[in-house]
Amino acid sequence: MRTLIALALLALVPLHTRADTIDLGTHGALNLAVPKGWKATTSTQADVGLTIQLTPPDSVNAQGLITLVYVPKGEVTSKGDVDEKVLLAGDNYVDQSLEKKKTLRSFNMGNGAYGSYCFFTDALLVGHAPAKGNFKAVASGIVWFNADLSAVVSLLTDDEKGPDFAAMLSAVSSARLVSK
């Protein structure tokens, strides 16, 4: 019973201590709530967009990559298109996964954005002790912000139910495109 109460209280503790605003030039800006103790670094991807890397404290074996992609003018993307692309990307993981199937899950986006992902556990690593930099699972997804901006998301972790995955999932879901 104490464990349940402790978990319930932990759920009330905010995962985020700051919001980073990332300048996207003529594409606006992106607000992203960075998990407490984590770092967010960006690198430009030559005219395509930029990558945000979420890096946890040294004691945590996880990593988040959010690659923002500037959508070419005239390219239309619907919710169905996003889901289809996520399922197609899942083909890279499904055969080696414990799940052996692709199950769409939604990012809890706001401001009209939409995102989905599939989660896969590496069947060969189940039961093995965690090893720094070697992740047991991946969530692979896409977020559509508007007709001008989308993101490819990779969340690497050891435990789907662990606090590191919850922190990364929350960070992605917090992303809001704003005007400058």
C-alpha atoms as a PDB file:
ATOM      1  CA  MET A   1       0.000   0.000   0.000  1.00  0.00           C
ATOM      2  CA  ARG A   2       2.847   2.419   0.811  1.00  0.00           C
ATOM      3  CA  THR A   3       4.300   1.778  -2.635  1.00  0.00           C
ATOM      4  CA  LEU A   4       1.007   2.742  -4.277  1.00  0.00           C
ATOM      5  CA  ILE A   5       0.820   5.918  -2.223  1.00  0.00           C
ATOM      6  CA  ALA A   6       4.441   6.770  -3.057  1.00  0.00           C
ATOM      7  CA  LEU A   7       3.779   6.213  -6.759  1.00  0.00           C
ATOM      8  CA  ALA A   8       0.655   8.366  -6.577  1.00  0.00           C
ATOM      9  CA  LEU A   9       2.636  11.167  -4.915  1.00  0.00           C
ATOM     10  CA  LEU A  10       5.447  10.809  -7.458  1.00  0.00           C
ATOM     11  CA  ALA A  11       2.908  11.317 -10.233  1.00  0.00           C
ATOM     12  CA  LEU A  12       2.141  14.737  -8.726  1.00  0.00           C
ATOM     13  CA  VAL A  13       5.769  15.892  -8.879  1.00  0.00           C
ATOM     14  CA  PRO A  14       6.361  17.990 -12.015  1.00  0.00           C
ATOM     15  CA  LEU A  15       8.694  16.329 -14.501  1.00  0.00           C
ATOM     16  CA  HIS A  16       9.731  19.649 -16.012  1.00  0.00           C
ATOM     17  CA  THR A  17      11.716  22.482 -14.539  1.00  0.00           C
ATOM     18  CA  ARG A  18      12.086  24.722 -17.565  1.00  0.00           C
ATOM     19  CA  ALA A  19      10.745  25.312 -21.021  1.00  0.00           C
ATOM     20  CA  ASP A  20      13.259  25.834 -23.810  1.00  0.00           C
ATOM     21  CA  THR A  21      12.316  28.004 -26.757  1.00  0.00           C
ATOM     22  CA  ILE A  22      14.030  26.939 -29.954  1.00  0.00           C
ATOM     23  CA  ASP A  23      14.268  29.512 -32.732  1.00  0.00           C
ATOM     24  CA  LEU A  24      13.209  28.061 -36.086  1.00  0.00           C
ATOM     25  CA  GLY A  25      13.890  31.194 -38.120  1.00  0.00           C
ATOM     26  CA  THR A  26      11.074  31.952 -40.556  1.00  0.00           C
ATOM     27  CA  HIS A  27       9.251  28.840 -39.313  1.00  0.00           C
ATOM     28  CA  GLY A  28       8.571  30.362 -35.880  1.00  0.00           C
ATOM     29  CA  ALA A  29       9.741  28.935 -32.581  1.00  0.00           C
ATOM     30  CA  LEU A  30       9.169  25.722 -30.677  1.00  0.00           C
ATOM     31  CA  ASN A  31       8.536  25.629 -26.937  1.00  0.00           C
ATOM     32  CA  LEU A  32       9.644  22.371 -25.339  1.00  0.00           C
ATOM     33  CA  ALA A  33       9.458  21.434 -21.645  1.00  0.00           C
ATOM     34  CA  VAL A  34      12.752  19.766 -20.782  1.00  0.00           C
ATOM     35  CA  PRO A  35      12.630  17.089 -18.056  1.00  0.00           C
ATOM     36  CA  LYS A  36      14.202  17.989 -14.717  1.00  0.00           C
ATOM     37  CA  GLY A  37      17.931  17.238 -14.764  1.00  0.00           C
ATOM     38  CA  TRP A  38      18.007  16.650 -18.531  1.00  0.00           C
ATOM     39  CA  LYS A  39      19.708  18.741 -21.232  1.00  0.00           C
ATOM     40  CA  ALA A  40      18.355  19.717 -24.628  1.00  0.00           C
ATOM     41  CA  THR A  41      20.878  20.457 -27.351  1.00  0.00           C
ATOM     42  CA  THR A  42      20.186  21.351 -30.966  1.00  0.00           C
ATOM     43  CA  SER A  43      22.046  20.867 -34.221  1.00  0.00           C
ATOM     44  CA  THR A  44      21.085  22.188 -37.644  1.00  0.00           C
ATOM     45  CA  GLN A  45      20.364  19.694 -40.415  1.00  0.00           C
ATOM     46  CA  ALA A  46      21.289  21.763 -43.524  1.00  0.00           C
ATOM     47  CA  ASP A  47      18.072  23.308 -44.901  1.00  0.00           C
ATOM     48  CA  VAL A  48      16.002  20.326 -43.783  1.00  0.00           C
ATOM     49  CA  GLY A  49      15.442  21.363 -40.167  1.00  0.00           C
ATOM     50  CA  LEU A  50      17.177  20.684 -36.897  1.00  0.00           C
ATOM     51  CA  THR A  51      17.603  17.936 -34.333  1.00  0.00           C
ATOM     52  CA  ILE A  52      16.910  18.305 -30.636  1.00  0.00           C
ATOM     53  CA  GLN A  53      18.719  15.769 -28.477  1.00  0.00           C
ATOM     54  CA  LEU A  54      17.324  15.115 -25.004  1.00  0.00           C
ATOM     55  CA  THR A  55      20.105  13.848 -22.753  1.00  0.00           C
ATOM     56  CA  PRO A  56      19.345  12.574 -19.237  1.00  0.00           C
ATOM     57  CA  PRO A  57      21.571  12.675 -16.158  1.00  0.00           C
ATOM     58  CA  ASP A  58      24.533  10.239 -16.319  1.00  0.00           C
ATOM     59  CA  SER A  59      22.748   7.692 -14.125  1.00  0.00           C
ATOM     60  CA  VAL A  60      19.902   7.270 -16.645  1.00  0.00           C
ATOM     61  CA  ASN A  61      20.176   5.082 -19.762  1.00  0.00           C
ATOM     62  CA  ALA A  62      17.907   6.867 -22.219  1.00  0.00           C
ATOM     63  CA  GLN A  63      18.030   9.314 -25.094  1.00  0.00           C
ATOM     64  CA  GLY A  64      15.475  11.296 -27.041  1.00  0.00           C
ATOM     65  CA  LEU A  65      15.876  12.612 -30.571  1.00  0.00           C
ATOM     66  CA  ILE A  66      13.381  15.000 -32.117  1.00  0.00           C
ATOM     67  CA  THR A  67      14.289  15.892 -35.690  1.00  0.00           C
ATOM     68  CA  LEU A  68      12.256  18.882 -36.850  1.00  0.00           C
ATOM     69  CA  VAL A  69      11.642  18.814 -40.588  1.00  0.00           C
ATOM     70  CA  TYR A  70      10.549  21.823 -42.616  1.00  0.00           C
ATOM     71  CA  VAL A  71       7.784  20.529 -44.868  1.00  0.00           C
ATOM     72  CA  PRO A  72       8.159  21.471 -48.550  1.00  0.00           C
ATOM     73  CA  LYS A  73       5.544  23.938 -49.810  1.00  0.00           C
ATOM     74  CA  GLY A  74       2.483  22.215 -51.233  1.00  0.00           C
ATOM     75  CA  GLU A  75       3.013  18.899 -49.432  1.00  0.00           C
ATOM     76  CA  VAL A  76      -0.170  17.992 -47.594  1.00  0.00           C
ATOM     77  CA  THR A  77      -0.100  15.675 -44.591  1.00  0.00           C
ATOM     78  CA  SER A  78      -3.165  14.317 -42.841  1.00  0.00           C
ATOM     79  CA  LYS A  79      -3.496  12.389 -39.586  1.00  0.00           C
ATOM     80  CA  GLY A  80      -3.864   9.244 -41.697  1.00  0.00           C
ATOM     81  CA  ASP A  81      -0.614  10.043 -43.542  1.00  0.00           C
ATOM     82  CA  VAL A  82       1.244  10.427 -40.242  1.00  0.00           C
ATOM     83  CA  ASP A  83      -0.089   7.099 -38.959  1.00  0.00           C
ATOM     84  CA  GLU A  84       0.790   5.377 -42.233  1.00  0.00           C
ATOM     85  CA  LYS A  85       4.380   6.704 -42.128  1.00  0.00           C
ATOM     86  CA  VAL A  86       4.764   5.619 -38.476  1.00  0.00           C
ATOM     87  CA  LEU A  87       3.585   2.115 -39.320  1.00  0.00           C
ATOM     88  CA  LEU A  88       5.942   1.981 -42.304  1.00  0.00           C
ATOM     89  CA  ALA A  89       8.887   3.048 -40.108  1.00  0.00           C
ATOM     90  CA  GLY A  90       7.873   0.315 -37.649  1.00  0.00           C
ATOM     91  CA  ASP A  91       8.842  -2.265 -40.270  1.00  0.00           C
ATOM     92  CA  ASN A  92      12.466  -1.567 -39.250  1.00  0.00           C
ATOM     93  CA  TYR A  93      11.823  -2.891 -35.730  1.00  0.00           C
ATOM     94  CA  VAL A  94       8.902  -5.305 -35.689  1.00  0.00           C
ATOM     95  CA  ASP A  95      10.690  -8.528 -36.706  1.00  0.00           C
ATOM     96  CA  GLN A  96      13.319  -8.243 -33.948  1.00  0.00           C
ATOM     97  CA  SER A  97      10.822  -7.021 -31.353  1.00  0.00           C
ATOM     98  CA  LEU A  98       9.244  -8.812 -28.461  1.00  0.00           C
ATOM     99  CA  GLU A  99       5.859  -7.399 -29.552  1.00  0.00           C
ATOM    100  CA  LYS A 100       6.005  -8.828 -33.112  1.00  0.00           C
ATOM    101  CA  LYS A 101       3.368  -6.288 -34.150  1.00  0.00           C
ATOM    102  CA  LYS A 102       2.982  -2.568 -34.750  1.00  0.00           C
ATOM    103  CA  THR A 103       0.540  -0.810 -32.430  1.00  0.00           C
ATOM    104  CA  LEU A 104      -0.109   2.887 -32.968  1.00  0.00           C
ATOM    105  CA  ARG A 105      -0.121   5.089 -29.884  1.00  0.00           C
ATOM    106  CA  SER A 106      -0.756   8.825 -29.780  1.00  0.00           C
ATOM    107  CA  PHE A 107       1.412  11.596 -28.412  1.00  0.00           C
ATOM    108  CA  ASN A 108      -0.775  13.888 -26.309  1.00  0.00           C
ATOM    109  CA  MET A 109      -0.174  16.987 -28.434  1.00  0.00           C
ATOM    110  CA  GLY A 110      -1.891  20.371 -28.198  1.00  0.00           C
ATOM    111  CA  ASN A 111      -2.461  23.436 -30.377  1.00  0.00           C
ATOM    112  CA  GLY A 112      -3.794  21.375 -33.279  1.00  0.00           C
ATOM    113  CA  ALA A 113      -0.646  19.225 -33.567  1.00  0.00           C
ATOM    114  CA  TYR A 114      -0.939  15.473 -33.982  1.00  0.00           C
ATOM    115  CA  GLY A 115       1.553  12.706 -33.394  1.00  0.00           C
ATOM    116  CA  SER A 116       1.739   8.946 -33.160  1.00  0.00           C
ATOM    117  CA  TYR A 117       4.384   6.342 -32.409  1.00  0.00           C
ATOM    118  CA  CYS A 118       4.963   2.613 -32.068  1.00  0.00           C
ATOM    119  CA  PHE A 119       6.912   1.088 -29.199  1.00  0.00           C
ATOM    120  CA  PHE A 120       9.244  -1.877 -29.707  1.00  0.00           C
ATOM    121  CA  THR A 121      11.250  -3.973 -27.227  1.00  0.00           C
ATOM    122  CA  ASP A 122      14.381  -5.719 -28.500  1.00  0.00           C
ATOM    123  CA  ALA A 123      13.624  -9.418 -27.937  1.00  0.00           C
ATOM    124  CA  LEU A 124      17.340 -10.259 -27.652  1.00  0.00           C
ATOM    125  CA  LEU A 125      17.857  -7.860 -24.726  1.00  0.00           C
ATOM    126  CA  VAL A 126      14.919  -8.953 -22.567  1.00  0.00           C
ATOM    127  CA  GLY A 127      16.192 -10.290 -19.259  1.00  0.00           C
ATOM    128  CA  HIS A 128      19.645  -8.738 -19.660  1.00  0.00           C
ATOM    129  CA  ALA A 129      20.977  -6.099 -17.294  1.00  0.00           C
ATOM    130  CA  PRO A 130      20.861  -2.535 -18.654  1.00  0.00           C
ATOM    131  CA  ALA A 131      24.061  -1.371 -20.335  1.00  0.00           C
ATOM    132  CA  LYS A 132      24.804   2.333 -20.766  1.00  0.00           C
ATOM    133  CA  GLY A 133      24.243   3.371 -24.382  1.00  0.00           C
ATOM    134  CA  ASN A 134      22.612   0.052 -25.316  1.00  0.00           C
ATOM    135  CA  PHE A 135      18.845   0.498 -25.183  1.00  0.00           C
ATOM    136  CA  LYS A 136      16.321  -2.301 -24.775  1.00  0.00           C
ATOM    137  CA  ALA A 137      13.475  -0.437 -26.453  1.00  0.00           C
ATOM    138  CA  VAL A 138      12.598   2.311 -28.894  1.00  0.00           C
ATOM    139  CA  ALA A 139       9.546   4.426 -29.542  1.00  0.00           C
ATOM    140  CA  SER A 140       9.549   5.569 -33.156  1.00  0.00           C
ATOM    141  CA  GLY A 141       7.088   8.235 -34.235  1.00  0.00           C
ATOM    142  CA  ILE A 142       6.126  11.363 -36.115  1.00  0.00           C
ATOM    143  CA  VAL A 143       4.561  14.641 -35.021  1.00  0.00           C
ATOM    144  CA  TRP A 144       2.768  16.968 -37.424  1.00  0.00           C
ATOM    145  CA  PHE A 145       2.698  20.549 -36.113  1.00  0.00           C
ATOM    146  CA  ASN A 146       1.304  22.339 -39.168  1.00  0.00           C
ATOM    147  CA  ALA A 147       1.671  22.465 -42.962  1.00  0.00           C
ATOM    148  CA  ASP A 148       5.171  23.917 -42.469  1.00  0.00           C
ATOM    149  CA  LEU A 149       6.699  21.715 -39.739  1.00  0.00           C
ATOM    150  CA  SER A 150       6.765  18.080 -38.672  1.00  0.00           C
ATOM    151  CA  ALA A 151       9.123  15.986 -36.540  1.00  0.00           C
ATOM    152  CA  VAL A 152      10.560  12.487 -36.559  1.00  0.00           C
ATOM    153  CA  VAL A 153      10.839  11.207 -32.981  1.00  0.00           C
ATOM    154  CA  SER A 154      13.027   8.420 -31.547  1.00  0.00           C
ATOM    155  CA  LEU A 155      12.865   7.719 -27.820  1.00  0.00           C
ATOM    156  CA  LEU A 156      15.425   5.162 -26.637  1.00  0.00           C
ATOM    157  CA  THR A 157      14.979   3.540 -23.223  1.00  0.00           C
ATOM    158  CA  ASP A 158      15.238   0.359 -21.197  1.00  0.00           C
ATOM    159  CA  ASP A 159      11.712   0.348 -19.768  1.00  0.00           C
ATOM    160  CA  GLU A 160       8.448   1.518 -21.269  1.00  0.00           C
ATOM    161  CA  LYS A 161       6.996   1.953 -17.783  1.00  0.00           C
ATOM    162  CA  GLY A 162      10.087   3.703 -16.370  1.00  0.00           C
ATOM    163  CA  PRO A 163      10.338   7.375 -15.389  1.00  0.00           C
ATOM    164  CA  ASP A 164      12.842   8.144 -18.171  1.00  0.00           C
ATOM    165  CA  PHE A 165      10.412   7.080 -20.902  1.00  0.00           C
ATOM    166  CA  ALA A 166       7.592   8.984 -19.190  1.00  0.00           C
ATOM    167  CA  ALA A 167       9.808  12.093 -19.053  1.00  0.00           C
ATOM    168  CA  MET A 168      10.672  11.894 -22.764  1.00  0.00           C
ATOM    169  CA  LEU A 169       7.064  11.201 -23.737  1.00  0.00           C
ATOM    170  CA  SER A 170       5.963  14.205 -21.711  1.00  0.00           C
ATOM    171  CA  ALA A 171       8.640  16.405 -23.300  1.00  0.00           C
ATOM    172  CA  VAL A 172       7.522  15.483 -26.829  1.00  0.00           C
ATOM    173  CA  SER A 173       3.877  16.023 -25.916  1.00  0.00           C
ATOM    174  CA  SER A 174       4.744  19.462 -24.477  1.00  0.00           C
ATOM    175  CA  ALA A 175       6.140  20.735 -27.790  1.00  0.00           C
ATOM    176  CA  ARG A 176       4.233  23.784 -29.010  1.00  0.00           C
ATOM    177  CA  LEU A 177       4.890  25.726 -32.184  1.00  0.00           C
ATOM    178  CA  VAL A 178       4.597  29.465 -31.557  1.00  0.00           C
ATOM    179  CA  SER A 179       4.952  32.600 -33.651  1.00  0.00           C
ATOM    180  CA  LYS A 180       7.930  34.828 -32.978  1.00  0.00           C
END
